[in-house]
Protein backbone atom coordinates (compact mmCIF):
# COMPACT_ATOMS: atom_id res chain seq x y z
CA MET A 1 185.23 18.15 -0.41
CA ASP A 2 181.64 16.57 -0.19
CA ALA A 3 180.67 15.16 -3.69
CA LEU A 4 177.26 17.25 -3.80
CA MET A 5 179.32 20.37 -2.97
CA LEU A 6 180.27 23.09 -5.60
CA ASP A 7 182.22 26.57 -5.08
CA GLY A 8 180.23 29.66 -5.29
CA ASN A 9 181.10 30.12 -8.82
CA ALA A 10 178.56 27.56 -9.64
CA VAL A 11 175.78 30.05 -9.17
CA ALA A 12 177.59 33.11 -10.56
CA GLY A 13 174.66 33.22 -13.37
CA LEU A 14 171.97 33.19 -10.92
CA LEU A 15 173.70 35.80 -8.59
CA GLU A 16 174.24 38.32 -11.66
CA GLU A 17 170.84 37.77 -13.02
CA VAL A 18 169.38 39.04 -9.50
CA PHE A 19 172.24 41.72 -8.57
CA ALA A 20 172.84 42.82 -12.16
CA VAL A 21 176.97 43.14 -11.01
CA GLU A 22 179.53 40.38 -10.79
CA MET A 23 178.96 39.10 -7.43
CA THR A 24 181.56 36.14 -7.18
CA THR A 25 184.20 38.72 -6.43
CA ALA A 26 182.00 40.45 -3.64
CA LEU A 27 183.82 40.08 -0.27
CA VAL A 28 181.76 38.58 2.66
CA THR A 29 182.36 38.45 6.12
CA CYS A 30 181.26 35.43 8.04
CA GLY A 31 179.18 36.56 11.24
CA ARG A 32 180.51 33.65 13.32
CA CYS A 33 184.00 33.27 12.47
CA ALA A 34 184.83 36.69 11.12
CA ALA A 35 186.71 35.39 7.86
CA THR A 36 186.52 37.25 4.65
CA ASP A 37 186.68 35.72 1.26
CA GLU A 38 185.22 36.18 -2.26
CA LEU A 39 181.62 34.73 -2.48
CA GLY A 40 183.00 32.75 -5.34
CA ALA A 41 185.15 30.80 -2.63
CA THR A 42 182.22 29.75 -0.60
CA HIS A 43 180.90 26.29 -0.47
CA VAL A 44 177.46 25.80 -2.47
CA PHE A 45 175.20 23.02 -1.58
CA ARG A 46 172.02 22.38 -3.89
CA GLY A 47 168.89 20.65 -2.71
CA ALA A 48 165.61 22.26 -2.43
CA GLY A 49 167.22 25.67 -2.64
CA ILE A 50 170.85 26.71 -2.63
CA VAL A 51 172.93 27.16 0.63
CA MET A 52 176.25 28.93 0.26
CA ARG A 53 178.48 28.28 3.42
CA CYS A 54 181.70 29.60 4.80
CA ARG A 55 184.54 27.52 3.84
CA HIS A 56 186.22 28.12 7.20
CA CYS A 57 183.37 27.16 9.75
CA SER A 58 180.69 25.98 7.46
CA THR A 59 178.18 28.77 8.55
CA ALA A 60 175.25 29.33 6.14
CA LEU A 61 175.90 32.56 4.65
CA VAL A 62 173.52 32.78 1.62
CA THR A 63 170.41 30.97 1.11
CA ILE A 64 168.74 31.15 -2.24
CA VAL A 65 165.30 29.58 -3.32
CA ARG A 66 163.80 29.91 -6.95
CA HIS A 67 160.24 30.20 -7.12
CA ASP A 68 158.31 30.56 -10.20
CA THR A 69 157.60 34.13 -9.95
CA HIS A 70 160.72 35.31 -7.86
CA VAL A 71 163.67 34.47 -6.16
CA SER A 72 164.04 34.45 -2.29
CA ILE A 73 167.55 35.32 -0.78
CA GLY A 74 168.58 35.36 2.75
CA PHE A 75 171.94 36.55 4.35
CA PRO A 76 171.60 34.88 7.66
CA GLY A 77 175.34 34.37 8.48
CA VAL A 78 176.77 37.73 6.52
CA ARG A 79 178.36 40.37 8.85
CA THR A 80 179.20 42.44 5.65
CA MET A 81 179.21 42.15 2.00
CA GLN A 82 181.14 44.60 -0.18
CA LEU A 83 180.59 44.94 -3.98
CA THR A 84 182.52 46.22 -6.80
CA VAL A 85 180.60 48.43 -9.09
């Protein structure tokens, strides 16, 4: 594990703030390798923003950038996401 890498649970508070539901248990299917895992199992890298990568193939699944007035979230590598409500 890279010293700068965390797991998806590290951004649980931010995700819950944005989505208003528990997101670490959301099931995400990777668009590249088709692996399905809980969002909390992703590998998280922080820099200018946050990148959540598939733990199987390292595809960037979710990107998050917090601005002063809003949060930008992209899902470039997510095929599907299943939320429990």
